[in-house]
Structure formats: C-alpha cells, structure tokens
Protein backbone atom coordinates (compact mmCIF):
# COMPACT_ATOMS: atom_id res chain seq x y z
CA MET A 1 96.38 128.71 118.06
CA ARG A 2 97.61 125.04 118.83
CA LYS A 3 95.89 123.84 115.53
CA VAL A 4 98.22 126.98 113.83
CA THR A 5 101.21 125.47 115.36
CA ARG A 6 100.73 121.95 114.83
CA VAL A 7 99.85 122.14 111.18
CA VAL A 8 103.06 124.08 110.94
CA MET A 9 105.16 121.44 112.76
CA MET A 10 103.78 118.99 109.95
CA ALA A 11 104.99 121.46 107.23
CA ALA A 12 108.63 121.87 108.24
CA ALA A 13 108.57 117.62 109.26
CA ALA A 14 107.71 116.90 105.47
CA VAL A 15 110.20 119.52 104.02
CA VAL A 16 112.57 117.77 106.44
CA ALA A 17 111.67 114.46 105.26
CA ALA A 18 110.94 115.26 101.27
CA PRO A 19 114.98 114.63 100.16
CA LEU A 20 114.50 111.42 102.10
CA ALA A 21 111.03 109.95 100.32
CA PRO A 22 112.68 108.65 97.00
CA ALA A 23 115.04 106.26 99.27
CA LEU A 24 112.52 104.83 101.24
CA THR A 25 110.40 104.42 98.71
CA THR A 26 112.67 102.34 96.54
CA GLY A 27 113.19 99.01 98.44
CA ALA A 28 115.95 97.72 99.96
CA GLY A 29 117.45 95.84 96.90
CA THR A 30 116.24 92.90 97.37
CA ALA A 31 113.27 91.21 94.59
CA GLY A 32 109.75 91.33 96.34
CA ALA A 33 110.29 93.64 98.97
CA SER A 34 107.54 95.77 99.38
CA ALA A 35 107.23 99.31 99.53
CA GLY A 36 106.55 99.20 103.08
CA THR A 37 103.98 100.96 105.48
CA PHE A 38 103.51 104.31 106.86
CA MET A 39 104.01 104.71 110.33
CA PRO A 40 102.53 108.06 112.16
CA PHE A 41 103.31 108.29 115.62
CA SER A 42 101.63 109.97 118.96
CA GLN A 43 102.62 109.95 122.28
CA VAL A 44 101.34 107.28 123.81
CA LEU A 45 103.12 104.66 126.04
CA ARG A 46 102.94 101.56 125.20
CA ARG A 47 103.85 98.40 127.52
CA CYS A 48 105.38 95.85 125.31
CA ASP A 49 102.12 94.25 124.01
CA PHE A 50 101.28 97.28 122.43
CA SER A 51 98.33 98.29 125.36
CA GLU A 52 98.16 101.38 126.67
CA THR A 53 99.74 102.43 129.89
CA ASN A 54 97.46 105.23 131.95
CA TYR A 55 98.54 108.23 133.39
CA ASN A 56 101.21 108.91 131.41
CA GLY A 57 100.88 112.23 129.62
CA PRO A 58 102.71 113.93 126.59
CA THR A 59 105.74 115.11 127.40
CA GLY A 60 107.77 116.19 123.89
CA GLN A 61 107.60 118.01 120.81
CA GLY A 62 109.56 115.73 118.39
CA ARG A 63 108.09 114.59 115.24
CA PRO A 64 108.81 110.98 114.10
CA THR A 65 107.62 109.18 111.50
CA ALA A 66 108.68 105.25 110.25
CA THR A 67 108.34 103.49 106.88
CA ILE A 68 108.10 99.34 108.07
CA HIS A 69 108.38 96.74 105.65
CA SER A 70 109.30 92.97 104.90
CA ASP A 71 111.03 90.66 102.15
CA GLY A 72 109.44 88.04 104.27
CA SER A 73 112.47 86.45 106.33
CA THR A 74 113.51 90.05 107.81
CA VAL A 75 111.70 93.40 108.89
CA THR A 76 112.86 96.62 108.55
CA ALA A 77 111.99 99.58 110.00
CA ASP A 78 113.21 103.21 108.15
CA VAL A 79 112.33 105.99 111.38
CA GLN A 80 112.92 109.79 110.93
CA LEU A 81 112.52 112.21 113.79
CA VAL A 82 112.64 115.77 113.39
CA VAL A 83 111.73 119.00 115.46
CA ALA A 84 113.51 117.19 118.77
CA VAL A 85 115.80 117.58 121.69
CA PRO A 86 118.95 118.84 119.56
CA ASN A 87 122.24 116.87 120.04
CA ILE A 88 120.82 114.09 122.00
CA PRO A 89 120.00 110.43 121.68
CA TYR A 90 116.70 108.92 121.43
CA GLN A 91 116.41 105.09 121.75
CA VAL A 92 114.56 103.18 119.03
CA ARG A 93 113.30 99.85 118.95
CA LEU A 94 111.13 97.73 116.65
CA ILE A 95 109.13 95.54 118.42
CA GLN A 96 107.72 92.30 116.48
CA VAL A 97 103.88 91.29 117.78
CA PRO A 98 102.16 88.91 119.24
CA ARG A 99 103.72 89.01 122.84
CA PRO A 100 102.63 88.43 125.86
CA SER A 101 102.16 91.22 128.48
CA SER A 102 104.92 89.80 130.32
CA ALA A 103 107.83 89.62 128.00
CA PRO A 104 110.07 92.48 128.08
CA CYS A 105 111.17 94.64 124.79
CA TRP A 106 114.35 95.40 125.06
CA GLY A 107 117.36 95.41 122.40
CA SER A 108 118.17 91.82 123.64
CA ASP A 109 115.39 90.13 123.51
CA PRO A 110 113.69 87.74 121.03
CA GLY A 111 111.94 89.89 118.13
CA VAL A 112 113.24 93.03 119.50
CA ALA A 113 115.62 95.52 117.41
CA GLN A 114 117.29 98.42 119.28
CA THR A 115 119.15 100.77 118.22
CA THR A 116 120.56 104.86 119.41
CA LEU A 117 119.26 107.63 117.14
CA HIS A 118 121.63 111.20 118.02
CA THR A 119 119.88 114.14 116.76
CA ASP A 120 121.93 116.85 115.33
CA GLY A 121 122.10 120.29 115.88
CA VAL A 122 118.33 121.49 114.95
CA GLY A 123 117.02 117.85 115.89
CA ALA A 124 116.60 115.75 113.34
CA GLY A 125 117.85 112.39 112.65
CA ALA A 126 117.94 109.22 110.94
CA VAL A 127 118.01 105.23 111.86
CA THR A 128 117.27 101.68 110.08
CA LEU A 129 116.40 98.94 112.20
CA THR A 130 116.36 94.86 110.41
CA ASP A 131 115.40 92.21 112.44
CA ALA A 132 114.95 88.75 111.01
CA ILE A 133 111.37 88.10 111.52
CA GLU A 134 110.73 85.52 114.63
CA PRO A 135 108.26 82.75 114.22
CA GLY A 136 105.18 82.89 114.94
CA ALA A 137 105.22 86.89 114.63
CA THR A 138 102.72 88.66 112.53
CA GLY A 139 103.28 92.05 112.54
CA ALA A 140 105.41 94.52 114.12
CA TRP A 141 105.78 98.56 115.53
CA VAL A 142 108.20 101.17 116.38
CA PHE A 143 109.00 102.54 119.56
CA VAL A 144 110.95 105.86 120.26
CA SER A 145 111.93 107.37 123.33
CA ARG A 146 114.38 109.62 125.43
CA PRO A 147 115.40 108.05 129.06
CA ASP A 148 115.41 109.86 131.92
CA PRO A 149 118.03 109.53 134.69
CA PHE A 150 115.30 110.84 137.36
CA HIS A 151 113.01 108.67 136.85
CA GLN A 152 111.90 105.41 135.68
CA ASN A 153 109.43 106.80 132.82
CA PRO A 154 111.07 107.82 129.67
CA ALA A 155 111.59 111.53 129.63
CA GLU A 156 109.92 111.78 125.86
CA PHE A 157 108.51 108.85 124.10
CA TYR A 158 106.72 107.91 120.68
CA THR A 159 104.92 104.61 119.75
CA THR A 160 102.88 104.03 116.43
CA ASP A 161 99.77 104.40 115.86
CA LEU A 162 99.17 100.82 114.31
CA ILE A 163 101.12 97.32 114.17
CA ALA A 164 102.56 97.12 110.59
CA LYS A 165 101.02 93.62 109.40
CA PHE A 166 103.83 91.29 107.41
C-alpha cells in the first residue's frame, strides 16, 4: 500500500510540475548557462556542512524538486513543492559548499540564499533563488523547511540527496 501511495504521489507531482519543465530547461537567457542539475529530495535533516543529523525522522508529505544551474559567477536554484500543507510558508535555502561544520547557514550568511515559498490552496508553490558564487565554493544544495513554533527542529524538512557541482 505504501509503495502504491508513493507511486501515485510521484505521478501527481510530475503532472503538476510538467507545465514548468519547459521554462526550467530553456535557461535564464544568459550565454553559457547550463541546463542544470535535477535535484531529488528526501526527508533527511542535515547540518550546514551537508552531514546528516541523528534521531530526526521524516515529518511531512510534501514533494519538493529543484534544478540547480550556474553561469560561472552565479548559482540559481528553481525549487518546486507539491503535495505540501496548503497556505503555509516554507523556508528555502540554497547553501554553497564546502562549509565548515561550525558555520551557520541562514539567509544572511555568506554562501547562503534564502527566501520564503508560500504554498497555494492545494499545497503547491515554486521559487527561484540566485546567489553569487563564493570564492572556493564547489557546489550547492537546497534545504526546504517549515518552522515549528514550539520546537527548535523544523515541523517539516526536506534536503537534496546530493550536491550539485559547478
């Protein structure tokens, strides 16, 4: 039953994201921009250095995807979220690596772009983040979370399964 539900959810996500696909693959209109790297997500809570935390299990049912591309001086992430909680804000961060484990990764930190994604009435939303590539950065990943007003850990969290190299 769980496998059938997962297949149905993935099919629904593909149908919802299908109209966005041509816009994502045509590039940003800049010469030399790559088509990008498709980034799948999982419900793994990660530290800013991309290492996994222990004892934090999955908490949501949203289905995010992203495409990360770079033109050599900037990195851009096009993030879509479907099957999420309707009418709720999510925090989306584009985090460049390598990062020391002691460095924070919030919107005002170097190598981090942050914005808010607001889902619509059916739990879908999309945002684009762009940031200048930091000196020494070799890749980037995306962290999507919904804050929890009563805990330090997010109410929902999704992180990319890999790091997109520039």
